[in-house]
């Protein structure tokens, strides 16, 4: 036990490591304590050794840079576990709410239904009974009080009957009714108002669309890039050129590299690629506001210096969850760079998404290259005769964040998240989808197949890739529009409509950053994916 105490003293003269490239000296005094800390994190110490180490650090916390991690290890690990839990999509576990009707067909429990949570209603409404759904629709449209969450659930169910059995106008009004009562839920309120606006746009009712989209774009505390884009389009249709220019500027300023922003800019003759010419502040390795994060970052650097990469990854996760809103965005850029070095592209992308959207002044070619990493490109390039490798890169970024071992809740596997059944069908045997080469070969073949089925309409192929060809067939019947952006945003599955926009956004920036310095017109973004070679 005296050896543990001695190691703490030896490590006390630690100096900050300023770069990741610095080579350690053979007699570096930090090595013994780094090794001991690594043994602790890898569960290689006996319980007595662990207890003594924790006691020594508690008594003299300043003795080593690792003492903070040793003493607070349990609390930091709990933070990471909670963060992972919070990142999982929330599943509704409450009761279902069933409509009750009299023998004569009158709705009996509307008061209960209108205040029920939307998820509790969605699977309980009588979808296959048109007369009863008509009663529910009428009750929702006549309701003048809040709450009226049932209105949103009814609208979502009725979308399946567009455009024959129900009108876009009726569905839009239902969404608006529900949205007006959702002031305490900004994300849901924006979504419902935007959905209403899109329904009005589907029937070219621009005044009603403008009203709903204005409401959606003014919701605070949530992402409003989609309603801003459609408000801009609506203002153009109404020949309100000055208002449209103002909305476009707002969209460009708030969400400069988003899908809707780049579509709006390119279609109006502007060049989103001007972001690549900007200069931005460099990453900062230490915070003026977060002493704990600084300690953890120094631990990461020293652990990496001596090759204890697994432990460095653990501590870097601690640094991420310990970062508060007060931490400088330049420090978060440094953390993102460290995540890249560790191959954790998913966390890196999440960090950069927050940092760059909240701090547009940090956007530059360097930060966008970090945000859109060119990972495993030689593997994707092997299939350039079938599908543009930058398109495959864009899909992999969204599907797996370049994790070859990723598995979805639906058992989609690997870089391109291919289902085992699809792999067997295309390979005539059970392929190893966790092998990057095999996964990309199968995924590229399937994507090419979908592009052929959809006559090269990239947005439709992506929708089918995410949700399945069967779902796509129903959606093209429900939303018969020739506008690919409108169709994409009308997709009723939130995951799929965001997926399509995200991949197209990725595709634009990958091509723009790595393939051409010339502007790419918006219509070309929807045409380039098939076997497109370098310009």
Protein backbone atom coordinates (compact mmCIF):
# COMPACT_ATOMS: atom_id res chain seq x y z
CA UNK A 1 0.00 0.00 0.00
CA UNK A 2 2.94 2.34 0.60
CA UNK A 3 3.72 1.99 -3.14
CA UNK A 4 0.34 3.50 -4.00
CA UNK A 5 0.97 6.50 -1.76
CA UNK A 6 4.47 6.93 -3.20
CA UNK A 7 3.12 6.90 -6.74
CA UNK A 8 0.75 9.72 -5.86
CA UNK A 9 3.67 11.84 -4.67
CA UNK A 10 5.78 11.03 -7.74
CA UNK A 11 2.94 12.04 -10.07
CA UNK A 12 2.36 15.33 -8.30
CA UNK A 13 4.73 17.33 -10.51
CA UNK A 14 2.62 16.68 -13.63
CA UNK A 15 2.62 19.45 -16.24
CA UNK A 16 -0.20 20.00 -18.77
CA UNK A 17 0.27 18.32 -22.12
CA UNK A 18 -0.41 20.82 -24.87
CA UNK A 19 -0.52 18.56 -27.93
CA UNK A 20 -1.52 15.05 -28.82
CA UNK A 21 1.68 14.47 -30.80
CA UNK A 22 4.18 14.92 -27.95
CA UNK A 23 6.32 11.83 -27.34
CA UNK A 24 6.71 10.64 -23.71
CA UNK A 25 10.13 10.43 -22.15
CA UNK A 26 11.18 6.99 -21.03
CA UNK A 27 11.49 8.15 -17.43
CA UNK A 28 8.39 10.37 -17.40
CA UNK A 29 7.26 10.47 -13.74
CA UNK A 30 3.59 10.41 -14.75
CA UNK A 31 3.78 6.90 -16.20
CA UNK A 32 3.48 4.89 -12.94
CA UNK A 33 0.37 6.75 -11.81
CA UNK A 34 -1.15 6.63 -15.28
CA UNK A 35 -0.62 2.86 -15.29
CA UNK A 36 -2.19 2.56 -11.84
CA UNK A 37 -5.19 4.64 -12.91
CA UNK A 38 -5.56 2.52 -16.05
CA UNK A 39 -5.49 -0.62 -13.91
CA UNK A 40 -8.26 0.88 -11.77
CA UNK A 41 -10.48 1.69 -14.75
CA UNK A 42 -9.85 -1.70 -16.33
CA UNK A 43 -10.80 -3.43 -13.05
CA UNK A 44 -7.32 -4.91 -12.54
CA UNK A 45 -6.87 -3.81 -8.91
CA UNK A 46 -7.87 -5.86 -5.87
CA UNK A 47 -10.55 -4.31 -3.69
CA UNK A 48 -7.96 -3.52 -0.99
CA UNK A 49 -5.72 -1.73 -3.49
CA UNK A 50 -8.66 0.21 -4.86
CA UNK A 51 -9.80 1.27 -1.39
CA UNK A 52 -6.28 2.41 -0.43
CA UNK A 53 -5.90 4.37 -3.65
CA UNK A 54 -9.21 6.14 -3.11
CA UNK A 55 -8.34 6.89 0.53
CA UNK A 56 -4.94 8.35 -0.43
CA UNK A 57 -6.50 10.57 -3.08
CA UNK A 58 -9.25 11.71 -0.75
CA UNK A 59 -6.62 12.72 1.82
CA UNK A 60 -4.31 14.51 -0.67
CA UNK A 61 -6.31 15.28 -3.83
CA UNK A 62 -3.63 17.65 -5.13
CA UNK A 63 -1.04 14.87 -5.21
CA UNK A 64 -1.95 13.72 -8.72
CA UNK A 65 -3.98 14.84 -11.71
CA UNK A 66 -5.67 11.44 -11.54
CA UNK A 67 -6.99 11.92 -8.01
CA UNK A 68 -10.11 13.73 -9.20
CA UNK A 69 -11.02 10.81 -11.45
CA UNK A 70 -10.21 8.29 -8.74
CA UNK A 71 -12.31 9.97 -6.04
CA UNK A 72 -15.27 10.88 -8.24
CA UNK A 73 -15.20 7.84 -10.53
CA UNK A 74 -18.57 6.44 -9.42
CA UNK A 75 -20.36 9.77 -9.78
CA UNK A 76 -18.82 10.40 -13.21
CA UNK A 77 -19.75 6.93 -14.43
CA UNK A 78 -23.31 7.50 -13.19
CA UNK A 79 -23.44 10.74 -15.22
CA UNK A 80 -22.37 8.88 -18.35
CA UNK A 81 -24.99 6.17 -17.76
CA UNK A 82 -27.70 8.77 -17.28
CA UNK A 83 -26.59 10.60 -20.42
CA UNK A 84 -26.87 7.40 -22.45
CA UNK A 85 -30.30 6.75 -20.98
CA UNK A 86 -31.48 10.28 -21.79
CA UNK A 87 -30.26 9.90 -25.39
CA UNK A 88 -32.59 6.96 -25.99
CA UNK A 89 -35.94 7.82 -27.62
CA UNK A 90 -38.64 8.06 -25.00
CA UNK A 91 -41.18 5.26 -25.24
CA UNK A 92 -44.74 5.86 -24.19
CA UNK A 93 -45.62 3.43 -21.42
CA UNK A 94 -48.93 4.92 -20.31
CA UNK A 95 -52.45 3.60 -20.91
CA UNK A 96 -54.34 3.62 -24.18
CA UNK A 97 -57.44 5.74 -24.51
CA UNK A 98 -60.32 4.20 -26.47
CA UNK A 99 -63.25 6.22 -27.83
CA UNK A 100 -66.62 5.16 -26.42
CA UNK A 101 -69.74 5.31 -28.59
CA UNK A 102 -73.42 4.81 -27.83
CA UNK A 103 -75.54 2.29 -29.72
CA UNK A 104 -76.70 5.12 -31.94
CA UNK A 105 -73.11 6.05 -32.75
CA UNK A 106 -72.72 9.13 -30.54
CA UNK A 107 -69.30 9.84 -29.03
CA UNK A 108 -69.55 9.58 -25.23
CA UNK A 109 -66.11 10.36 -23.78
CA UNK A 110 -64.77 13.29 -25.79
CA UNK A 111 -63.78 15.24 -22.64
CA UNK A 112 -61.46 12.40 -21.63
CA UNK A 113 -60.08 11.93 -25.15
CA UNK A 114 -59.23 15.56 -25.87
CA UNK A 115 -56.85 15.71 -22.90
CA UNK A 116 -55.30 12.27 -23.42
CA UNK A 117 -51.64 12.07 -24.55
CA UNK A 118 -51.19 11.63 -28.30
CA UNK A 119 -49.24 8.32 -28.01
CA UNK A 120 -52.02 6.90 -25.86
CA UNK A 121 -54.53 7.64 -28.61
CA UNK A 122 -52.66 6.78 -31.79
CA UNK A 123 -53.03 3.01 -31.47
CA UNK A 124 -56.51 3.21 -29.97
CA UNK A 125 -58.48 5.18 -32.54
CA UNK A 126 -60.91 3.21 -34.75
CA UNK A 127 -58.87 3.55 -37.95
CA UNK A 128 -60.91 1.00 -39.87
CA UNK A 129 -64.26 2.55 -38.96
CA UNK A 130 -64.81 5.65 -41.15
CA UNK A 131 -68.06 6.76 -39.50
CA UNK A 132 -66.56 6.76 -36.03
CA UNK A 133 -63.44 8.55 -37.25
CA UNK A 134 -65.74 11.16 -38.82
CA UNK A 135 -67.40 11.69 -35.41
CA UNK A 136 -64.00 12.15 -33.79
CA UNK A 137 -62.88 14.56 -36.52
CA UNK A 138 -66.00 16.69 -36.07
CA UNK A 139 -65.59 16.81 -32.29
CA UNK A 140 -61.97 17.91 -32.62
CA UNK A 141 -62.75 20.61 -35.19
CA UNK A 142 -65.60 21.99 -33.09
CA UNK A 143 -63.56 22.06 -29.88
CA UNK A 144 -62.76 25.61 -28.70
CA UNK A 145 -60.92 24.83 -25.46
CA UNK A 146 -57.55 23.39 -24.48
CA UNK A 147 -56.25 20.79 -24.20
CA UNK A 148 -57.02 19.28 -27.60
CA UNK A 149 -54.21 16.79 -28.11
CA UNK A 150 -56.71 14.34 -29.57
CA UNK A 151 -56.87 16.64 -32.59
CA UNK A 152 -53.25 15.81 -33.45
CA UNK A 153 -53.74 12.07 -33.05
CA UNK A 154 -56.87 12.17 -35.22
CA UNK A 155 -55.04 14.18 -37.89
CA UNK A 156 -52.16 11.68 -37.93
CA UNK A 157 -54.53 8.74 -38.36
CA UNK A 158 -56.57 10.48 -41.07
CA UNK A 159 -53.44 11.18 -43.12
CA UNK A 160 -53.55 7.51 -44.12
CA UNK A 161 -56.80 8.32 -46.01
CA UNK A 162 -55.48 11.24 -48.02
CA UNK A 163 -56.47 12.48 -50.49
CA UNK A 164 -59.76 10.64 -51.22
CA UNK A 165 -61.51 10.07 -47.88
CA UNK A 166 -60.31 13.25 -46.15
CA UNK A 167 -59.02 16.59 -47.43
CA UNK A 168 -55.66 18.26 -46.81
CA UNK A 169 -57.57 21.25 -45.48
CA UNK A 170 -59.33 19.17 -42.79
CA UNK A 171 -56.09 17.53 -41.69
CA UNK A 172 -54.37 20.92 -41.60
CA UNK A 173 -57.10 22.41 -39.43
CA UNK A 174 -56.86 19.47 -37.02
CA UNK A 175 -53.11 19.97 -36.63
CA UNK A 176 -53.63 23.69 -36.08
CA UNK A 177 -56.27 23.07 -33.43
CA UNK A 178 -53.91 20.80 -31.54
CA UNK A 179 -50.87 23.04 -31.98
CA UNK A 180 -52.63 26.02 -30.40
CA UNK A 181 -52.80 24.09 -27.12
CA UNK A 182 -49.15 22.98 -26.96
CA UNK A 183 -47.45 26.11 -25.63
CA UNK A 184 -45.51 24.19 -22.98
CA UNK A 185 -44.10 21.70 -25.52
CA UNK A 186 -42.17 23.75 -28.10
CA UNK A 187 -40.95 20.82 -30.20
CA UNK A 188 -44.43 19.30 -30.52
CA UNK A 189 -46.01 22.70 -31.15
CA UNK A 190 -43.60 23.54 -33.96
CA UNK A 191 -44.13 20.12 -35.52
CA UNK A 192 -47.95 20.40 -35.43
CA UNK A 193 -48.03 23.93 -36.84
CA UNK A 194 -45.53 22.96 -39.56
CA UNK A 195 -47.60 19.89 -40.40
CA UNK A 196 -50.67 22.11 -40.76
CA UNK A 197 -48.78 24.48 -43.04
CA UNK A 198 -47.59 21.63 -45.25
CA UNK A 199 -51.14 20.29 -45.59
CA UNK A 200 -52.29 23.72 -46.78
CA UNK A 201 -49.37 23.88 -49.19
CA UNK A 202 -50.35 20.48 -50.59
CA UNK A 203 -53.65 22.08 -51.72
CA UNK A 204 -51.91 25.37 -52.62
CA UNK A 205 -53.80 27.39 -50.00
CA UNK A 206 -50.97 29.87 -49.49
CA UNK A 207 -52.69 32.32 -47.09
CA UNK A 208 -53.57 29.54 -44.63
CA UNK A 209 -50.11 28.01 -45.07
CA UNK A 210 -48.47 31.35 -44.33
CA UNK A 211 -50.44 31.72 -41.11
CA UNK A 212 -49.57 28.25 -39.80
CA UNK A 213 -45.91 28.43 -40.86
CA UNK A 214 -45.48 31.86 -39.29
CA UNK A 215 -46.73 30.38 -36.01
CA UNK A 216 -44.35 27.42 -36.37
CA UNK A 217 -41.32 29.58 -37.18
CA UNK A 218 -41.91 31.75 -34.10
CA UNK A 219 -41.87 28.88 -31.58
CA UNK A 220 -38.90 29.41 -29.27
CA UNK A 221 -36.63 26.74 -27.87
CA UNK A 222 -36.67 24.35 -30.83
CA UNK A 223 -35.29 23.89 -34.34
CA UNK A 224 -37.40 25.86 -36.84
CA UNK A 225 -35.40 25.45 -40.06
CA UNK A 226 -38.20 23.55 -41.80
CA UNK A 227 -41.01 26.08 -41.16
CA UNK A 228 -38.69 28.98 -42.07
CA UNK A 229 -37.95 27.34 -45.41
CA UNK A 230 -41.60 26.76 -46.21
CA UNK A 231 -42.56 30.22 -45.01
CA UNK A 232 -39.98 31.56 -47.46
CA UNK A 233 -41.47 29.44 -50.26
CA UNK A 234 -45.00 30.55 -49.34
CA UNK A 235 -44.03 34.23 -49.32
CA UNK A 236 -42.53 33.81 -52.79
CA UNK A 237 -45.76 32.19 -54.00
CA UNK A 238 -47.70 35.15 -52.60
CA UNK A 239 -45.23 37.54 -54.31
CA UNK A 240 -44.13 38.98 -50.97
CA UNK A 241 -40.55 39.34 -52.14
CA UNK A 242 -39.31 41.62 -49.36
CA UNK A 243 -40.69 39.33 -46.63
CA UNK A 244 -39.29 36.28 -48.44
CA UNK A 245 -35.81 37.83 -48.58
CA UNK A 246 -35.96 38.56 -44.85
CA UNK A 247 -37.06 34.98 -44.06
CA UNK A 248 -34.30 33.56 -46.26
CA UNK A 249 -31.71 35.66 -44.44
CA UNK A 250 -33.08 34.47 -41.09
CA UNK A 251 -32.87 30.84 -42.23
CA UNK A 252 -29.35 31.29 -43.56
CA UNK A 253 -28.14 33.06 -40.41
CA UNK A 254 -29.62 30.61 -37.90
CA UNK A 255 -29.04 27.34 -39.77
CA UNK A 256 -26.30 28.08 -42.31
CA UNK A 257 -25.40 24.53 -43.37
CA UNK A 258 -28.76 22.78 -42.82
CA UNK A 259 -30.64 20.93 -45.55
CA UNK A 260 -33.41 23.50 -45.88
CA UNK A 261 -30.96 26.38 -45.84
CA UNK A 262 -28.81 24.99 -48.62
CA UNK A 263 -31.88 24.18 -50.76
CA UNK A 264 -33.25 27.71 -50.25
CA UNK A 265 -29.92 29.36 -50.94
CA UNK A 266 -29.03 27.37 -54.05
CA UNK A 267 -32.50 27.79 -55.55
CA UNK A 268 -32.24 31.57 -55.02
CA UNK A 269 -28.81 31.79 -56.65
CA UNK A 270 -26.80 32.03 -53.43
CA UNK A 271 -23.81 29.82 -52.66
CA UNK A 272 -23.81 27.95 -49.32
CA UNK A 273 -20.21 27.00 -50.04
CA UNK A 274 -19.10 30.47 -49.04
CA UNK A 275 -18.99 29.01 -45.52
CA UNK A 276 -15.86 27.15 -46.60
CA UNK A 277 -14.01 30.44 -47.08
CA UNK A 278 -14.65 31.68 -43.54
CA UNK A 279 -11.98 31.89 -40.87
CA UNK A 280 -12.89 30.72 -37.38
CA UNK A 281 -11.30 30.55 -33.97
CA UNK A 282 -9.13 27.52 -33.30
CA UNK A 283 -9.98 24.88 -30.74
CA UNK A 284 -8.92 25.68 -27.17
CA UNK A 285 -7.50 22.96 -24.98
CA UNK A 286 -8.48 24.45 -21.64
CA UNK A 287 -11.52 26.23 -20.24
CA UNK A 288 -11.54 29.40 -18.17
CA UNK A 289 -14.85 28.35 -16.60
CA UNK A 290 -14.71 24.58 -16.08
CA UNK A 291 -11.88 23.48 -13.75
CA UNK A 292 -13.20 19.91 -13.55
CA UNK A 293 -13.24 19.54 -17.32
CA UNK A 294 -9.66 20.81 -17.48
CA UNK A 295 -8.54 18.17 -15.00
CA UNK A 296 -10.28 15.44 -16.99
CA UNK A 297 -8.82 16.65 -20.30
CA UNK A 298 -5.33 16.56 -18.82
CA UNK A 299 -5.97 13.01 -17.68
CA UNK A 300 -7.08 12.10 -21.21
CA UNK A 301 -3.94 13.58 -22.73
CA UNK A 302 -1.59 11.78 -20.35
CA UNK A 303 -3.40 8.45 -20.75
CA UNK A 304 -3.22 8.79 -24.53
CA UNK A 305 0.43 9.73 -24.33
CA UNK A 306 1.24 6.41 -22.69
CA UNK A 307 -1.06 4.36 -24.88
CA UNK A 308 -3.87 3.75 -22.39
CA UNK A 309 -6.48 4.51 -25.03
CA UNK A 310 -9.41 2.62 -23.52
CA UNK A 311 -9.10 4.52 -20.25
CA UNK A 312 -8.59 7.78 -22.13
CA UNK A 313 -11.88 7.14 -23.91
CA UNK A 314 -13.63 6.55 -20.58
CA UNK A 315 -12.32 9.78 -19.09
CA UNK A 316 -13.16 11.75 -22.21
CA UNK A 317 -16.76 10.59 -21.78
CA UNK A 318 -16.58 11.97 -18.26
CA UNK A 319 -15.39 15.30 -19.63
CA UNK A 320 -18.29 15.43 -22.09
CA UNK A 321 -20.97 14.84 -19.45
CA UNK A 322 -19.26 17.25 -17.03
CA UNK A 323 -19.35 20.13 -19.53
CA UNK A 324 -21.94 22.74 -18.64
CA UNK A 325 -23.50 25.48 -20.73
CA UNK A 326 -20.77 27.81 -19.47
CA UNK A 327 -17.98 25.95 -21.21
CA UNK A 328 -16.43 27.75 -24.15
CA UNK A 329 -17.44 26.35 -27.56
CA UNK A 330 -13.76 26.35 -28.58
CA UNK A 331 -13.11 23.82 -25.81
CA UNK A 332 -15.93 21.66 -27.11
CA UNK A 333 -14.22 21.79 -30.52
CA UNK A 334 -11.11 20.36 -28.84
CA UNK A 335 -13.19 17.63 -27.21
CA UNK A 336 -14.67 16.83 -30.63
CA UNK A 337 -11.16 16.54 -32.07
CA UNK A 338 -10.23 14.14 -29.27
CA UNK A 339 -13.34 12.10 -30.04
CA UNK A 340 -12.25 11.91 -33.66
CA UNK A 341 -8.82 10.64 -32.58
CA UNK A 342 -10.59 7.87 -30.65
CA UNK A 343 -12.82 6.97 -33.59
CA UNK A 344 -16.01 7.97 -31.74
CA UNK A 345 -17.61 9.78 -34.66
CA UNK A 346 -21.12 9.65 -33.26
CA UNK A 347 -20.33 11.70 -30.16
CA UNK A 348 -18.10 13.99 -32.19
CA UNK A 349 -20.92 14.72 -34.65
CA UNK A 350 -23.39 15.38 -31.81
CA UNK A 351 -20.96 17.78 -30.12
CA UNK A 352 -20.22 19.64 -33.33
CA UNK A 353 -23.90 19.88 -34.24
CA UNK A 354 -24.59 21.70 -30.97
CA UNK A 355 -21.48 23.87 -31.16
CA UNK A 356 -21.76 24.96 -34.79
CA UNK A 357 -25.50 25.66 -34.79
CA UNK A 358 -25.23 27.69 -31.59
CA UNK A 359 -21.99 29.41 -32.64
CA UNK A 360 -22.04 30.10 -36.40
CA UNK A 361 -18.86 32.18 -36.01
CA UNK A 362 -16.96 28.88 -35.57
CA UNK A 363 -17.97 27.58 -39.00
CA UNK A 364 -15.07 27.21 -41.42
CA UNK A 365 -13.70 24.65 -43.85
CA UNK A 366 -11.79 23.01 -40.99
CA UNK A 367 -14.80 22.66 -38.67
CA UNK A 368 -17.04 21.48 -41.51
CA UNK A 369 -14.43 18.88 -42.49
CA UNK A 370 -14.50 17.77 -38.86
CA UNK A 371 -18.32 17.69 -38.92
CA UNK A 372 -18.43 15.76 -42.20
CA UNK A 373 -15.51 13.34 -41.77
CA UNK A 374 -14.27 11.41 -44.78
CA UNK A 375 -14.05 8.02 -43.08
CA UNK A 376 -13.20 4.70 -44.81
CA UNK A 377 -13.57 6.39 -48.17
CA UNK A 378 -11.50 3.83 -50.15
CA UNK A 379 -14.11 1.19 -49.28
CA UNK A 380 -16.97 3.37 -50.57
CA UNK A 381 -14.95 4.34 -53.63
CA UNK A 382 -14.75 0.72 -54.76
CA UNK A 383 -18.44 0.93 -55.63
CA UNK A 384 -18.33 4.19 -57.62
CA UNK A 385 -19.46 2.35 -60.76
CA UNK A 386 -22.76 1.60 -59.01
CA UNK A 387 -23.39 4.50 -56.62
CA UNK A 388 -21.56 7.77 -56.03
CA UNK A 389 -19.15 7.01 -53.14
CA UNK A 390 -19.95 10.39 -51.56
CA UNK A 391 -23.60 9.33 -51.45
CA UNK A 392 -22.59 6.13 -49.65
CA UNK A 393 -20.46 8.22 -47.30
CA UNK A 394 -23.45 10.48 -46.60
CA UNK A 395 -25.64 7.49 -45.78
CA UNK A 396 -23.04 5.87 -43.52
CA UNK A 397 -22.64 9.10 -41.56
CA UNK A 398 -26.36 9.13 -40.82
CA UNK A 399 -26.90 5.40 -40.42
CA UNK A 400 -24.04 4.32 -38.17
CA UNK A 401 -21.74 7.34 -37.67
CA UNK A 402 -19.11 5.05 -39.26
CA UNK A 403 -19.37 2.38 -36.57
CA UNK A 404 -18.95 -0.97 -38.36
CA UNK A 405 -20.40 -2.79 -35.34
CA UNK A 406 -23.57 -0.70 -35.05
CA UNK A 407 -26.86 -2.59 -34.61
CA UNK A 408 -30.27 -0.88 -34.70
CA UNK A 409 -33.39 -1.80 -32.77
CA UNK A 410 -34.64 -3.45 -35.99
CA UNK A 411 -31.38 -5.47 -36.23
CA UNK A 412 -29.98 -3.45 -39.14
CA UNK A 413 -26.23 -3.96 -39.06
CA UNK A 414 -22.93 -2.33 -39.88
CA UNK A 415 -21.85 0.83 -41.66
CA UNK A 416 -24.89 1.14 -43.93
CA UNK A 417 -27.27 -0.57 -41.48
CA UNK A 418 -28.27 -3.43 -43.77
CA UNK A 419 -30.92 -5.88 -42.59
CA UNK A 420 -29.75 -9.51 -42.53
CA UNK A 421 -32.69 -10.50 -44.74
CA UNK A 422 -31.67 -7.97 -47.38
CA UNK A 423 -28.10 -9.24 -47.18
CA UNK A 424 -29.18 -12.85 -47.73
CA UNK A 425 -31.43 -11.88 -50.67
CA UNK A 426 -28.70 -9.94 -52.45
CA UNK A 427 -25.83 -12.30 -51.64
CA UNK A 428 -27.71 -15.64 -51.80
CA UNK A 429 -26.07 -16.53 -48.51
CA UNK A 430 -25.65 -15.07 -45.03
CA UNK A 431 -23.04 -12.29 -45.35
CA UNK A 432 -20.99 -10.91 -42.49
CA UNK A 433 -22.52 -7.44 -42.35
CA UNK A 434 -20.10 -6.34 -39.64
CA UNK A 435 -17.27 -6.58 -42.14
CA UNK A 436 -17.04 -3.07 -43.69
CA UNK A 437 -16.16 -4.32 -47.19
CA UNK A 438 -19.08 -6.77 -47.24
CA UNK A 439 -21.52 -4.32 -45.70
CA UNK A 440 -20.78 -1.57 -48.20
CA UNK A 441 -20.91 -4.01 -51.13
CA UNK A 442 -24.37 -5.24 -50.07
CA UNK A 443 -25.60 -1.78 -49.09
CA UNK A 444 -24.45 -0.19 -52.36
CA UNK A 445 -26.19 -2.90 -54.34
CA UNK A 446 -29.45 -2.39 -52.44
CA UNK A 447 -29.29 1.39 -52.78
CA UNK A 448 -28.70 1.05 -56.53
CA UNK A 449 -31.70 -1.28 -56.70
CA UNK A 450 -33.91 1.27 -54.93
CA UNK A 451 -32.67 4.10 -57.14
CA UNK A 452 -33.58 2.02 -60.19
CA UNK A 453 -37.05 1.23 -58.76
CA UNK A 454 -37.70 4.94 -58.16
CA UNK A 455 -36.43 6.05 -61.61
CA UNK A 456 -33.42 7.69 -60.03
CA UNK A 457 -35.43 9.88 -57.66
CA UNK A 458 -32.97 10.10 -54.82
CA UNK A 459 -35.40 11.35 -52.17
CA UNK A 460 -37.75 8.43 -52.86
CA UNK A 461 -34.92 5.89 -52.78
CA UNK A 462 -33.74 7.24 -49.43
CA UNK A 463 -37.26 7.10 -48.00
CA UNK A 464 -37.53 3.46 -49.11
CA UNK A 465 -34.08 2.66 -47.70
CA UNK A 466 -35.09 3.99 -44.29
CA UNK A 467 -38.72 2.90 -43.99
CA UNK A 468 -39.11 0.20 -46.65
CA UNK A 469 -40.51 0.17 -50.21
CA UNK A 470 -43.98 -0.74 -48.94
CA UNK A 471 -44.27 2.43 -46.86
CA UNK A 472 -43.00 4.51 -49.77
CA UNK A 473 -45.74 3.16 -52.03
CA UNK A 474 -48.41 4.33 -49.59
CA UNK A 475 -46.84 7.75 -49.16
CA UNK A 476 -46.65 8.45 -52.89
CA UNK A 477 -50.40 7.77 -53.00
CA UNK A 478 -51.14 10.02 -50.03
CA UNK A 479 -48.94 12.92 -51.15
CA UNK A 480 -49.00 13.01 -54.97
CA UNK A 481 -46.71 16.00 -55.48
CA UNK A 482 -43.95 16.54 -58.02
CA UNK A 483 -42.03 18.74 -55.58
CA UNK A 484 -39.35 16.47 -54.04
CA UNK A 485 -38.75 18.76 -51.05
CA UNK A 486 -42.46 19.02 -50.28
CA UNK A 487 -42.84 15.25 -50.55
CA UNK A 488 -39.86 14.73 -48.24
CA UNK A 489 -41.32 16.99 -45.57
CA UNK A 490 -44.80 15.48 -45.94
CA UNK A 491 -43.50 12.02 -45.03
CA UNK A 492 -45.50 11.18 -41.88
CA UNK A 493 -42.66 9.33 -40.12
CA UNK A 494 -40.50 11.92 -38.36
CA UNK A 495 -37.48 9.61 -38.46
CA UNK A 496 -37.75 9.11 -42.22
CA UNK A 497 -38.33 12.73 -43.25
CA UNK A 498 -35.40 13.84 -41.10
CA UNK A 499 -33.33 10.96 -42.44
CA UNK A 500 -33.89 11.94 -46.08
CA UNK A 501 -33.05 15.60 -45.43
CA UNK A 502 -30.01 14.70 -43.35
CA UNK A 503 -28.51 12.37 -45.96
CA UNK A 504 -29.09 14.89 -48.76
CA UNK A 505 -27.49 17.59 -46.63
CA UNK A 506 -24.52 15.31 -45.92
CA UNK A 507 -24.24 14.48 -49.61
CA UNK A 508 -24.14 18.13 -50.63
CA UNK A 509 -21.40 19.01 -48.17
CA UNK A 510 -19.29 15.92 -48.86
CA UNK A 511 -19.27 16.71 -52.55
CA UNK A 512 -18.70 20.40 -51.96
CA UNK A 513 -15.87 19.96 -49.47
CA UNK A 514 -14.03 17.10 -51.15
CA UNK A 515 -14.96 17.06 -54.83
CA UNK A 516 -15.64 20.49 -56.23
CA UNK A 517 -15.18 24.14 -55.43
CA UNK A 518 -18.04 25.05 -57.73
CA UNK A 519 -21.61 25.71 -56.48
CA UNK A 520 -23.99 22.75 -56.77
CA UNK A 521 -27.55 23.73 -57.87
CA UNK A 522 -30.33 22.47 -55.61
CA UNK A 523 -31.90 20.32 -58.30
CA UNK A 524 -28.59 18.55 -58.86
CA UNK A 525 -28.52 17.44 -55.23
CA UNK A 526 -31.53 15.29 -56.07
CA UNK A 527 -30.02 13.86 -59.25
CA UNK A 528 -26.35 13.09 -58.67
CA UNK A 529 -26.36 9.95 -56.60
CA UNK A 530 -26.20 7.27 -59.30
CA UNK A 531 -22.77 6.33 -60.57
CA UNK A 532 -21.62 9.95 -60.66
CA UNK A 533 -17.88 10.34 -61.18
CA UNK A 534 -15.74 13.31 -60.24
CA UNK A 535 -16.37 16.44 -62.28
